[in-house]
Amino acid sequence: MKSTTVRRVTLSIVLVSALTGVSACSSDSSGSSGDDKAARKGTTQFSPIAALRSVEKSTDGADSAKVESTTTMGTLMSMEADGVMGWADGLTGTMTITYTGGTLAETMRKTGSTSMQARYLSDAYYARMSDTFAEQVGGKHWIKYAYDDLAELGGGSGAYLKDQMQNTTPNQSVKLLLASGDVKKVGEETVRGENTTHYSGTVNVADMATKNSNLTESQLADLKEQLTQAGVSTERVDIWVNDDDLLVKKVEKGELSSGTMSSTAYYSDYGVKVSAAEPPASDTADFKDLLKLQGATS
């Protein structure tokens, strides 16, 4: 593969990783009722819906957490992500993303590294590339993806990516269960030493708008658009929640246009301090400028 092709493909890979690295977190705010938890514990008939709305509210309000995730997307990519994410005022955080298999890992290997640092700020996402890649782009190691530029370059899909990158919490999987219409309590289980309650459900994208999901029309539309863009028709969602109504584990499995998708994430240390600094300008190349240099824009 020619070096210019590697650079162009790598720019896209890094962008995909930006969203995939926080896919377990991606969501908008819910507006759940503060009485859900009390109502759930005060009734003799257990309601998974009431429980999940309490989890959604508690997790959304926790503001930050440590995140560990593994994701596989058919033969395209398998990756691991580990770091700290905050969502109190837009997405902020730092992650280390490592490609462990698939065709994208092979492409990244051609750039000199299958691992990269990622920084999420309120207005942009930054990825630190290898020395080999830096030599091909004027010696700069960091690539900046400004969310406004993504929206402009990507049209409707770019605008949606911008929204997802700027409005995130780890309760996307909770919303998916609420949207499924058939969520059930599986049982009590121990996850990494914590007592948890396990919930499960299957989301059928075509049926999302017709089931009694306890989500607003706009929330359903957002979820449906996200899954449709990813090529997902049906997705199985499992979550594990601790005694504080905080998400500690989630597993999502589904079929994409590129093959089977599986994502597992663990959340811990809610409320942890998050700090993400903008990389030095002298060592940063702008994604939009790189595309222009490679003739990838019209």
C-alpha atoms as a PDB file:
ATOM      1  CA  MET A   1       0.000   0.000   0.000  1.00  0.00           C
ATOM      2  CA  LYS A   2       1.407   3.380  -0.990  1.00  0.00           C
ATOM      3  CA  SER A   3       2.286   5.778   1.814  1.00  0.00           C
ATOM      4  CA  THR A   4      -0.309   8.354   0.684  1.00  0.00           C
ATOM      5  CA  THR A   5      -2.994   5.669   0.761  1.00  0.00           C
ATOM      6  CA  VAL A   6      -1.861   4.548   4.203  1.00  0.00           C
ATOM      7  CA  ARG A   7      -2.073   8.120   5.470  1.00  0.00           C
ATOM      8  CA  ARG A   8      -5.527   8.631   4.015  1.00  0.00           C
ATOM      9  CA  VAL A   9      -6.898   5.348   5.348  1.00  0.00           C
ATOM     10  CA  THR A  10      -5.274   5.950   8.730  1.00  0.00           C
ATOM     11  CA  LEU A  11      -7.047   9.292   9.094  1.00  0.00           C
ATOM     12  CA  SER A  12     -10.339   7.470   8.714  1.00  0.00           C
ATOM     13  CA  ILE A  13      -9.313   4.666  11.070  1.00  0.00           C
ATOM     14  CA  VAL A  14      -8.406   7.127  13.793  1.00  0.00           C
ATOM     15  CA  LEU A  15     -11.761   8.836  13.387  1.00  0.00           C
ATOM     16  CA  VAL A  16     -13.631   5.530  13.634  1.00  0.00           C
ATOM     17  CA  SER A  17     -11.637   4.744  16.763  1.00  0.00           C
ATOM     18  CA  ALA A  18     -12.601   8.057  18.313  1.00  0.00           C
ATOM     19  CA  LEU A  19     -16.236   7.057  18.280  1.00  0.00           C
ATOM     20  CA  THR A  20     -15.696   3.345  18.920  1.00  0.00           C
ATOM     21  CA  GLY A  21     -13.538   4.103  21.956  1.00  0.00           C
ATOM     22  CA  VAL A  22     -16.463   5.805  23.636  1.00  0.00           C
ATOM     23  CA  SER A  23     -19.291   3.882  22.023  1.00  0.00           C
ATOM     24  CA  ALA A  24     -20.076   2.413  25.402  1.00  0.00           C
ATOM     25  CA  CYS A  25     -20.604   5.940  26.674  1.00  0.00           C
ATOM     26  CA  SER A  26     -22.483   7.501  23.798  1.00  0.00           C
ATOM     27  CA  SER A  27     -25.878   8.974  24.670  1.00  0.00           C
ATOM     28  CA  ASP A  28     -27.835  12.103  25.364  1.00  0.00           C
ATOM     29  CA  SER A  29     -29.346  13.201  28.675  1.00  0.00           C
ATOM     30  CA  SER A  30     -32.498  11.404  29.702  1.00  0.00           C
ATOM     31  CA  GLY A  31     -34.686  13.476  31.979  1.00  0.00           C
ATOM     32  CA  SER A  32     -35.523  10.476  34.194  1.00  0.00           C
ATOM     33  CA  SER A  33     -37.684  11.013  37.211  1.00  0.00           C
ATOM     34  CA  GLY A  34     -35.918  11.367  40.551  1.00  0.00           C
ATOM     35  CA  ASP A  35     -38.643   9.254  42.155  1.00  0.00           C
ATOM     36  CA  ASP A  36     -37.867   6.134  40.102  1.00  0.00           C
ATOM     37  CA  LYS A  37     -35.486   4.584  42.641  1.00  0.00           C
ATOM     38  CA  ALA A  38     -37.785   5.157  45.584  1.00  0.00           C
ATOM     39  CA  ALA A  39     -40.771   3.854  43.640  1.00  0.00           C
ATOM     40  CA  ARG A  40     -38.880   0.731  42.638  1.00  0.00           C
ATOM     41  CA  LYS A  41     -37.787  -0.094  46.185  1.00  0.00           C
ATOM     42  CA  GLY A  42     -41.188   0.709  47.640  1.00  0.00           C
ATOM     43  CA  THR A  43     -43.197  -1.692  45.488  1.00  0.00           C
ATOM     44  CA  THR A  44     -43.642  -5.425  45.868  1.00  0.00           C
ATOM     45  CA  GLN A  45     -43.898  -5.964  42.093  1.00  0.00           C
ATOM     46  CA  PHE A  46     -40.394  -5.495  40.678  1.00  0.00           C
ATOM     47  CA  SER A  47     -40.288  -3.286  37.588  1.00  0.00           C
ATOM     48  CA  PRO A  48     -37.211  -3.528  35.326  1.00  0.00           C
ATOM     49  CA  ILE A  49     -38.247  -0.306  33.600  1.00  0.00           C
ATOM     50  CA  ALA A  50     -38.332   1.677  36.864  1.00  0.00           C
ATOM     51  CA  ALA A  51     -34.997   0.145  37.875  1.00  0.00           C
ATOM     52  CA  LEU A  52     -33.350   1.038  34.584  1.00  0.00           C
ATOM     53  CA  ARG A  53     -34.593   4.606  34.651  1.00  0.00           C
ATOM     54  CA  SER A  54     -33.004   4.960  38.077  1.00  0.00           C
ATOM     55  CA  VAL A  55     -29.751   3.487  36.726  1.00  0.00           C
ATOM     56  CA  GLU A  56     -29.865   5.880  33.795  1.00  0.00           C
ATOM     57  CA  LYS A  57     -30.245   8.871  36.101  1.00  0.00           C
ATOM     58  CA  SER A  58     -27.594   7.766  38.624  1.00  0.00           C
ATOM     59  CA  THR A  59     -25.006   6.912  35.977  1.00  0.00           C
ATOM     60  CA  ASP A  60     -25.618  10.103  34.020  1.00  0.00           C
ATOM     61  CA  GLY A  61     -25.201  12.176  37.196  1.00  0.00           C
ATOM     62  CA  ALA A  62     -21.934  10.527  38.255  1.00  0.00           C
ATOM     63  CA  ASP A  63     -20.032  12.764  35.773  1.00  0.00           C
ATOM     64  CA  SER A  64     -16.943  10.566  35.238  1.00  0.00           C
ATOM     65  CA  ALA A  65     -15.526   7.043  35.439  1.00  0.00           C
ATOM     66  CA  LYS A  66     -12.656   4.784  34.516  1.00  0.00           C
ATOM     67  CA  VAL A  67     -13.461   2.777  31.389  1.00  0.00           C
ATOM     68  CA  GLU A  68     -12.039  -0.471  30.016  1.00  0.00           C
ATOM     69  CA  SER A  69     -13.492  -1.841  26.801  1.00  0.00           C
ATOM     70  CA  THR A  70     -12.943  -4.415  24.076  1.00  0.00           C
ATOM     71  CA  THR A  71     -14.646  -4.199  20.686  1.00  0.00           C
ATOM     72  CA  THR A  72     -14.769  -6.508  17.676  1.00  0.00           C
ATOM     73  CA  MET A  73     -16.342  -5.518  14.360  1.00  0.00           C
ATOM     74  CA  GLY A  74     -16.264  -8.549  12.077  1.00  0.00           C
ATOM     75  CA  THR A  75     -13.014  -8.949  10.175  1.00  0.00           C
ATOM     76  CA  LEU A  76     -12.605  -5.175  10.059  1.00  0.00           C
ATOM     77  CA  MET A  77     -11.268  -4.479  13.529  1.00  0.00           C
ATOM     78  CA  SER A  78     -10.738  -5.637  17.072  1.00  0.00           C
ATOM     79  CA  MET A  79      -9.499  -3.132  19.632  1.00  0.00           C
ATOM     80  CA  GLU A  80      -9.026  -2.415  23.321  1.00  0.00           C
ATOM     81  CA  ALA A  81      -9.505   0.955  25.033  1.00  0.00           C
ATOM     82  CA  ASP A  82      -8.533   1.972  28.546  1.00  0.00           C
ATOM     83  CA  GLY A  83      -8.755   5.358  30.224  1.00  0.00           C
ATOM     84  CA  VAL A  84     -10.783   7.953  32.108  1.00  0.00           C
ATOM     85  CA  MET A  85     -13.819   9.735  30.703  1.00  0.00           C
ATOM     86  CA  GLY A  86     -15.913  12.643  31.986  1.00  0.00           C
ATOM     87  CA  TRP A  87     -19.297  13.877  30.716  1.00  0.00           C
ATOM     88  CA  ALA A  88     -20.343  16.647  33.124  1.00  0.00           C
ATOM     89  CA  ASP A  89     -19.992  19.358  30.463  1.00  0.00           C
ATOM     90  CA  GLY A  90     -19.394  17.656  27.143  1.00  0.00           C
ATOM     91  CA  LEU A  91     -16.991  14.785  26.645  1.00  0.00           C
ATOM     92  CA  THR A  92     -13.500  15.043  28.134  1.00  0.00           C
ATOM     93  CA  GLY A  93     -10.943  12.392  28.888  1.00  0.00           C
ATOM     94  CA  THR A  94      -7.907  10.379  27.870  1.00  0.00           C
ATOM     95  CA  MET A  95      -7.766   6.880  26.432  1.00  0.00           C
ATOM     96  CA  THR A  96      -5.178   4.444  25.151  1.00  0.00           C
ATOM     97  CA  ILE A  97      -6.524   2.614  22.099  1.00  0.00           C
ATOM     98  CA  THR A  98      -4.820  -0.568  20.898  1.00  0.00           C
ATOM     99  CA  TYR A  99      -5.694  -2.466  17.723  1.00  0.00           C
ATOM    100  CA  THR A 100      -5.466  -6.199  18.356  1.00  0.00           C
ATOM    101  CA  GLY A 101      -6.669  -7.647  15.047  1.00  0.00           C
ATOM    102  CA  GLY A 102      -8.521  -7.193  11.773  1.00  0.00           C
ATOM    103  CA  THR A 103      -7.641  -5.334   8.597  1.00  0.00           C
ATOM    104  CA  LEU A 104      -7.465  -1.986  10.385  1.00  0.00           C
ATOM    105  CA  ALA A 105      -4.799  -3.315  12.747  1.00  0.00           C
ATOM    106  CA  GLU A 106      -2.725  -4.292   9.728  1.00  0.00           C
ATOM    107  CA  THR A 107      -3.097  -0.801   8.268  1.00  0.00           C
ATOM    108  CA  MET A 108      -2.079   0.781  11.554  1.00  0.00           C
ATOM    109  CA  ARG A 109       0.917  -1.542  11.722  1.00  0.00           C
ATOM    110  CA  LYS A 110       2.129  -0.008   8.448  1.00  0.00           C
ATOM    111  CA  THR A 111       2.237   3.372  10.208  1.00  0.00           C
ATOM    112  CA  GLY A 112       4.635   2.020  12.831  1.00  0.00           C
ATOM    113  CA  SER A 113       2.276   1.339  15.738  1.00  0.00           C
ATOM    114  CA  THR A 114      -0.977  -0.450  16.579  1.00  0.00           C
ATOM    115  CA  SER A 115      -1.535   1.691  19.679  1.00  0.00           C
ATOM    116  CA  MET A 116      -2.294   5.380  20.100  1.00  0.00           C
ATOM    117  CA  GLN A 117      -3.138   7.923  22.770  1.00  0.00           C
ATOM    118  CA  ALA A 118      -6.445   9.753  22.500  1.00  0.00           C
ATOM    119  CA  ARG A 119      -7.596  12.970  24.149  1.00  0.00           C
ATOM    120  CA  TYR A 120     -11.200  14.121  24.130  1.00  0.00           C
ATOM    121  CA  LEU A 121     -11.880  17.824  24.687  1.00  0.00           C
ATOM    122  CA  SER A 122     -15.083  19.823  24.453  1.00  0.00           C
ATOM    123  CA  ASP A 123     -14.437  21.012  20.899  1.00  0.00           C
ATOM    124  CA  ALA A 124     -12.109  18.418  19.392  1.00  0.00           C
ATOM    125  CA  TYR A 125     -10.639  14.918  19.531  1.00  0.00           C
ATOM    126  CA  TYR A 126      -6.843  14.440  19.379  1.00  0.00           C
ATOM    127  CA  ALA A 127      -4.915  11.287  18.466  1.00  0.00           C
ATOM    128  CA  ARG A 128      -1.183  10.793  18.911  1.00  0.00           C
ATOM    129  CA  MET A 129       0.378   8.803  16.108  1.00  0.00           C
ATOM    130  CA  SER A 130       3.742   7.050  15.727  1.00  0.00           C
ATOM    131  CA  ASP A 131       7.057   8.591  14.697  1.00  0.00           C
ATOM    132  CA  THR A 132       6.707   6.814  11.347  1.00  0.00           C
ATOM    133  CA  PHE A 133       3.367   8.487  10.650  1.00  0.00           C
ATOM    134  CA  ALA A 134       4.677  11.858  11.850  1.00  0.00           C
ATOM    135  CA  GLU A 135       7.469  11.705   9.277  1.00  0.00           C
ATOM    136  CA  GLN A 136       4.810  11.549   6.551  1.00  0.00           C
ATOM    137  CA  VAL A 137       2.900  14.618   7.771  1.00  0.00           C
ATOM    138  CA  GLY A 138       5.591  17.179   8.435  1.00  0.00           C
ATOM    139  CA  GLY A 139       6.940  15.742  11.679  1.00  0.00           C
ATOM    140  CA  LYS A 140       3.793  16.286  13.753  1.00  0.00           C
ATOM    141  CA  HIS A 141       2.562  13.490  15.998  1.00  0.00           C
ATOM    142  CA  TRP A 142      -0.931  14.656  16.983  1.00  0.00           C
ATOM    143  CA  ILE A 143      -3.953  14.795  14.678  1.00  0.00           C
ATOM    144  CA  LYS A 144      -6.740  17.197  15.629  1.00  0.00           C
ATOM    145  CA  TYR A 145     -10.331  16.400  14.670  1.00  0.00           C
ATOM    146  CA  ALA A 146     -12.386  19.535  15.364  1.00  0.00           C
ATOM    147  CA  TYR A 147     -16.048  18.597  15.795  1.00  0.00           C
ATOM    148  CA  ASP A 148     -17.238  21.583  13.759  1.00  0.00           C
ATOM    149  CA  ASP A 149     -15.033  20.451  10.872  1.00  0.00           C
ATOM    150  CA  LEU A 150     -16.406  16.911  11.085  1.00  0.00           C
ATOM    151  CA  ALA A 151     -19.939  18.258  10.852  1.00  0.00           C
ATOM    152  CA  GLU A 152     -19.007  20.370   7.830  1.00  0.00           C
ATOM    153  CA  LEU A 153     -17.086  17.657   5.990  1.00  0.00           C
ATOM    154  CA  GLY A 154     -19.389  14.759   6.771  1.00  0.00           C
ATOM    155  CA  GLY A 155     -22.789  16.283   6.049  1.00  0.00           C
ATOM    156  CA  GLY A 156     -25.580  14.606   7.996  1.00  0.00           C
ATOM    157  CA  SER A 157     -23.370  11.792   9.274  1.00  0.00           C
ATOM    158  CA  GLY A 158     -20.723  14.307  10.315  1.00  0.00           C
ATOM    159  CA  ALA A 159     -23.256  16.363  12.229  1.00  0.00           C
ATOM    160  CA  TYR A 160     -24.432  13.214  13.985  1.00  0.00           C
ATOM    161  CA  LEU A 161     -20.842  12.250  14.871  1.00  0.00           C
ATOM    162  CA  LYS A 162     -20.261  15.735  16.278  1.00  0.00           C
ATOM    163  CA  ASP A 163     -23.347  15.403  18.448  1.00  0.00           C
ATOM    164  CA  GLN A 164     -22.309  11.971  19.712  1.00  0.00           C
ATOM    165  CA  MET A 165     -18.783  13.131  20.530  1.00  0.00           C
ATOM    166  CA  GLN A 166     -20.000  16.162  22.466  1.00  0.00           C
ATOM    167  CA  ASN A 167     -22.939  14.623  24.344  1.00  0.00           C
ATOM    168  CA  THR A 168     -21.943  11.411  26.057  1.00  0.00           C
ATOM    169  CA  THR A 169     -22.630   9.362  29.164  1.00  0.00           C
ATOM    170  CA  PRO A 170     -22.106   5.636  29.771  1.00  0.00           C
ATOM    171  CA  ASN A 171     -25.847   4.920  29.735  1.00  0.00           C
ATOM    172  CA  GLN A 172     -26.315   4.267  26.025  1.00  0.00           C
ATOM    173  CA  SER A 173     -26.787   0.587  26.821  1.00  0.00           C
ATOM    174  CA  VAL A 174     -29.449   1.472  29.423  1.00  0.00           C
ATOM    175  CA  LYS A 175     -31.317   3.487  26.797  1.00  0.00           C
ATOM    176  CA  LEU A 176     -31.095   0.573  24.397  1.00  0.00           C
ATOM    177  CA  LEU A 177     -32.683  -1.716  26.975  1.00  0.00           C
ATOM    178  CA  LEU A 178     -35.452   0.798  27.594  1.00  0.00           C
ATOM    179  CA  ALA A 179     -35.982   0.954  23.833  1.00  0.00           C
ATOM    180  CA  SER A 180     -36.114  -2.829  23.487  1.00  0.00           C
ATOM    181  CA  GLY A 181     -39.571  -3.128  25.056  1.00  0.00           C
ATOM    182  CA  ASP A 182     -38.784  -6.600  26.428  1.00  0.00           C
ATOM    183  CA  VAL A 183     -36.112  -5.991  29.069  1.00  0.00           C
ATOM    184  CA  LYS A 184     -35.887  -8.586  31.814  1.00  0.00           C
ATOM    185  CA  LYS A 185     -33.989  -9.130  35.046  1.00  0.00           C
ATOM    186  CA  VAL A 186     -31.644 -12.098  34.633  1.00  0.00           C
ATOM    187  CA  GLY A 187     -30.451 -12.374  38.248  1.00  0.00           C
ATOM    188  CA  GLU A 188     -27.896 -11.362  40.845  1.00  0.00           C
ATOM    189  CA  GLU A 189     -24.223 -11.823  39.914  1.00  0.00           C
ATOM    190  CA  THR A 190     -20.758 -10.783  41.096  1.00  0.00           C
ATOM    191  CA  VAL A 191     -18.684  -8.651  38.695  1.00  0.00           C
ATOM    192  CA  ARG A 192     -15.098  -7.894  39.690  1.00  0.00           C
ATOM    193  CA  GLY A 193     -15.961  -8.313  43.354  1.00  0.00           C
ATOM    194  CA  GLU A 194     -19.129  -6.186  43.271  1.00  0.00           C
ATOM    195  CA  ASN A 195     -22.661  -7.420  43.845  1.00  0.00           C
ATOM    196  CA  THR A 196     -24.673  -6.601  40.723  1.00  0.00           C
ATOM    197  CA  THR A 197     -28.059  -7.103  39.105  1.00  0.00           C
ATOM    198  CA  HIS A 198     -27.997  -8.394  35.533  1.00  0.00           C
ATOM    199  CA  TYR A 199     -30.545  -7.099  32.976  1.00  0.00           C
ATOM    200  CA  SER A 200     -30.933  -8.208  29.370  1.00  0.00           C
ATOM    201  CA  GLY A 201     -32.946  -7.396  26.268  1.00  0.00           C
ATOM    202  CA  THR A 202     -32.902  -7.463  22.474  1.00  0.00           C
ATOM    203  CA  VAL A 203     -33.337  -4.337  20.364  1.00  0.00           C
ATOM    204  CA  ASN A 204     -34.980  -4.682  16.967  1.00  0.00           C
ATOM    205  CA  VAL A 205     -34.318  -1.441  15.103  1.00  0.00           C
ATOM    206  CA  ALA A 206     -37.397  -1.748  12.903  1.00  0.00           C
ATOM    207  CA  ASP A 207     -39.670  -2.161  15.946  1.00  0.00           C
ATOM    208  CA  MET A 208     -38.152   0.574  18.110  1.00  0.00           C
ATOM    209  CA  ALA A 209     -40.713   3.218  17.162  1.00  0.00           C
ATOM    210  CA  THR A 210     -43.709   0.951  17.789  1.00  0.00           C
ATOM    211  CA  LYS A 211     -42.869  -0.639  21.150  1.00  0.00           C
ATOM    212  CA  ASN A 212     -43.655   0.858  24.525  1.00  0.00           C
ATOM    213  CA  SER A 213     -40.060   1.823  25.240  1.00  0.00           C
ATOM    214  CA  ASN A 214     -40.500   4.550  27.880  1.00  0.00           C
ATOM    215  CA  LEU A 215     -38.293   6.836  25.780  1.00  0.00           C
ATOM    216  CA  THR A 216     -39.352  10.058  24.097  1.00  0.00           C
ATOM    217  CA  GLU A 217     -39.912  10.193  20.352  1.00  0.00           C
ATOM    218  CA  SER A 218     -36.687  12.150  19.834  1.00  0.00           C
ATOM    219  CA  GLN A 219     -34.665   9.716  21.968  1.00  0.00           C
ATOM    220  CA  LEU A 220     -35.990   6.787  19.947  1.00  0.00           C
ATOM    221  CA  ALA A 221     -35.194   8.582  16.701  1.00  0.00           C
ATOM    222  CA  ASP A 222     -31.606   9.254  17.835  1.00  0.00           C
ATOM    223  CA  LEU A 223     -31.032   5.640  18.845  1.00  0.00           C
ATOM    224  CA  LYS A 224     -32.568   4.313  15.649  1.00  0.00           C
ATOM    225  CA  GLU A 225     -30.399   6.601  13.514  1.00  0.00           C
ATOM    226  CA  GLN A 226     -27.239   5.536  15.325  1.00  0.00           C
ATOM    227  CA  LEU A 227     -27.935   1.824  14.888  1.00  0.00           C
ATOM    228  CA  THR A 228     -29.066   2.207  11.280  1.00  0.00           C
ATOM    229  CA  GLN A 229     -25.886   4.113  10.340  1.00  0.00           C
ATOM    230  CA  ALA A 230     -23.848   1.283  11.845  1.00  0.00           C
ATOM    231  CA  GLY A 231     -25.761  -1.287   9.792  1.00  0.00           C
ATOM    232  CA  VAL A 232     -27.353  -2.882  12.880  1.00  0.00           C
ATOM    233  CA  SER A 233     -30.792  -4.492  12.574  1.00  0.00           C
ATOM    234  CA  THR A 234     -30.909  -6.445  15.857  1.00  0.00           C
ATOM    235  CA  GLU A 235     -28.754  -6.036  18.952  1.00  0.00           C
ATOM    236  CA  ARG A 236     -28.574  -7.989  22.200  1.00  0.00           C
ATOM    237  CA  VAL A 237     -27.790  -5.816  25.246  1.00  0.00           C
ATOM    238  CA  ASP A 238     -26.749  -7.016  28.724  1.00  0.00           C
ATOM    239  CA  ILE A 239     -25.862  -4.742  31.636  1.00  0.00           C
ATOM    240  CA  TRP A 240     -24.753  -5.297  35.224  1.00  0.00           C
ATOM    241  CA  VAL A 241     -25.665  -2.662  37.837  1.00  0.00           C
ATOM    242  CA  ASN A 242     -24.296  -2.300  41.375  1.00  0.00           C
ATOM    243  CA  ASP A 243     -26.151  -1.464  44.612  1.00  0.00           C
ATOM    244  CA  ASP A 244     -25.663   2.272  43.962  1.00  0.00           C
ATOM    245  CA  ASP A 245     -27.577   2.012  40.666  1.00  0.00           C
ATOM    246  CA  LEU A 246     -24.367   2.563  38.696  1.00  0.00           C
ATOM    247  CA  LEU A 247     -23.452   0.656  35.564  1.00  0.00           C
ATOM    248  CA  VAL A 248     -20.386  -1.570  36.109  1.00  0.00           C
ATOM    249  CA  LYS A 249     -20.446  -3.730  32.973  1.00  0.00           C
ATOM    250  CA  LYS A 250     -22.179  -3.822  29.620  1.00  0.00           C
ATOM    251  CA  VAL A 251     -22.103  -6.226  26.681  1.00  0.00           C
ATOM    252  CA  GLU A 252     -23.612  -5.453  23.280  1.00  0.00           C
ATOM    253  CA  LYS A 253     -23.736  -7.933  20.405  1.00  0.00           C
ATOM    254  CA  GLY A 254     -25.193  -7.504  16.943  1.00  0.00           C
ATOM    255  CA  GLU A 255     -24.758  -7.973  13.217  1.00  0.00           C
ATOM    256  CA  LEU A 256     -23.201  -5.172  11.165  1.00  0.00           C
ATOM    257  CA  SER A 257     -22.892  -4.855   7.412  1.00  0.00           C
ATOM    258  CA  SER A 258     -19.205  -5.774   7.938  1.00  0.00           C
ATOM    259  CA  GLY A 259     -19.868  -8.798  10.180  1.00  0.00           C
ATOM    260  CA  THR A 260     -20.553  -9.588  13.825  1.00  0.00           C
ATOM    261  CA  MET A 261     -20.096  -6.793  16.364  1.00  0.00           C
ATOM    262  CA  SER A 262     -19.341  -7.436  20.027  1.00  0.00           C
ATOM    263  CA  SER A 263     -18.500  -4.819  22.638  1.00  0.00           C
ATOM    264  CA  THR A 264     -17.766  -5.273  26.342  1.00  0.00           C
ATOM    265  CA  ALA A 265     -17.043  -2.411  28.742  1.00  0.00           C
ATOM    266  CA  TYR A 266     -16.309  -2.139  32.464  1.00  0.00           C
ATOM    267  CA  TYR A 267     -16.879   1.058  34.490  1.00  0.00           C
ATOM    268  CA  SER A 268     -15.332   1.850  37.865  1.00  0.00           C
ATOM    269  CA  ASP A 269     -14.222   4.722  40.133  1.00  0.00           C
ATOM    270  CA  TYR A 270     -17.197   6.943  39.318  1.00  0.00           C
ATOM    271  CA  GLY A 271     -16.432  10.575  40.109  1.00  0.00           C
ATOM    272  CA  VAL A 272     -12.719  10.160  39.338  1.00  0.00           C
ATOM    273  CA  LYS A 273     -10.826  13.337  38.429  1.00  0.00           C
ATOM    274  CA  VAL A 274     -10.490  13.844  34.677  1.00  0.00           C
ATOM    275  CA  SER A 275      -7.835  16.009  33.045  1.00  0.00           C
ATOM    276  CA  ALA A 276      -7.226  16.311  29.307  1.00  0.00           C
ATOM    277  CA  ALA A 277      -4.925  19.008  27.949  1.00  0.00           C
ATOM    278  CA  GLU A 278      -4.719  20.224  24.376  1.00  0.00           C
ATOM    279  CA  PRO A 279      -1.486  18.942  22.772  1.00  0.00           C
ATOM    280  CA  PRO A 280       1.203  21.489  21.744  1.00  0.00           C
ATOM    281  CA  ALA A 281       0.224  23.313  18.567  1.00  0.00           C
ATOM    282  CA  SER A 282       3.757  22.852  17.224  1.00  0.00           C
ATOM    283  CA  ASP A 283       3.264  19.068  17.292  1.00  0.00           C
ATOM    284  CA  THR A 284      -0.328  19.010  16.008  1.00  0.00           C
ATOM    285  CA  ALA A 285      -1.643  18.618  12.451  1.00  0.00           C
ATOM    286  CA  ASP A 286      -5.249  19.436  11.605  1.00  0.00           C
ATOM    287  CA  PHE A 287      -7.322  16.626  10.111  1.00  0.00           C
ATOM    288  CA  LYS A 288      -9.029  19.013   7.682  1.00  0.00           C
ATOM    289  CA  ASP A 289      -5.701  20.365   6.436  1.00  0.00           C
ATOM    290  CA  LEU A 290      -4.295  16.864   5.967  1.00  0.00           C
ATOM    291  CA  LEU A 291      -7.282  15.915   3.838  1.00  0.00           C
ATOM    292  CA  LYS A 292      -6.763  18.966   1.657  1.00  0.00           C
ATOM    293  CA  LEU A 293      -3.088  18.145   1.193  1.00  0.00           C
ATOM    294  CA  GLN A 294      -3.958  14.640   0.044  1.00  0.00           C
ATOM    295  CA  GLY A 295      -6.679  15.782  -2.329  1.00  0.00           C
ATOM    296  CA  ALA A 296      -9.329  13.898  -0.373  1.00  0.00           C
ATOM    297  CA  THR A 297     -11.779  16.800  -0.335  1.00  0.00           C
ATOM    298  CA  SER A 298     -13.651  18.232  -3.276  1.00  0.00           C
END
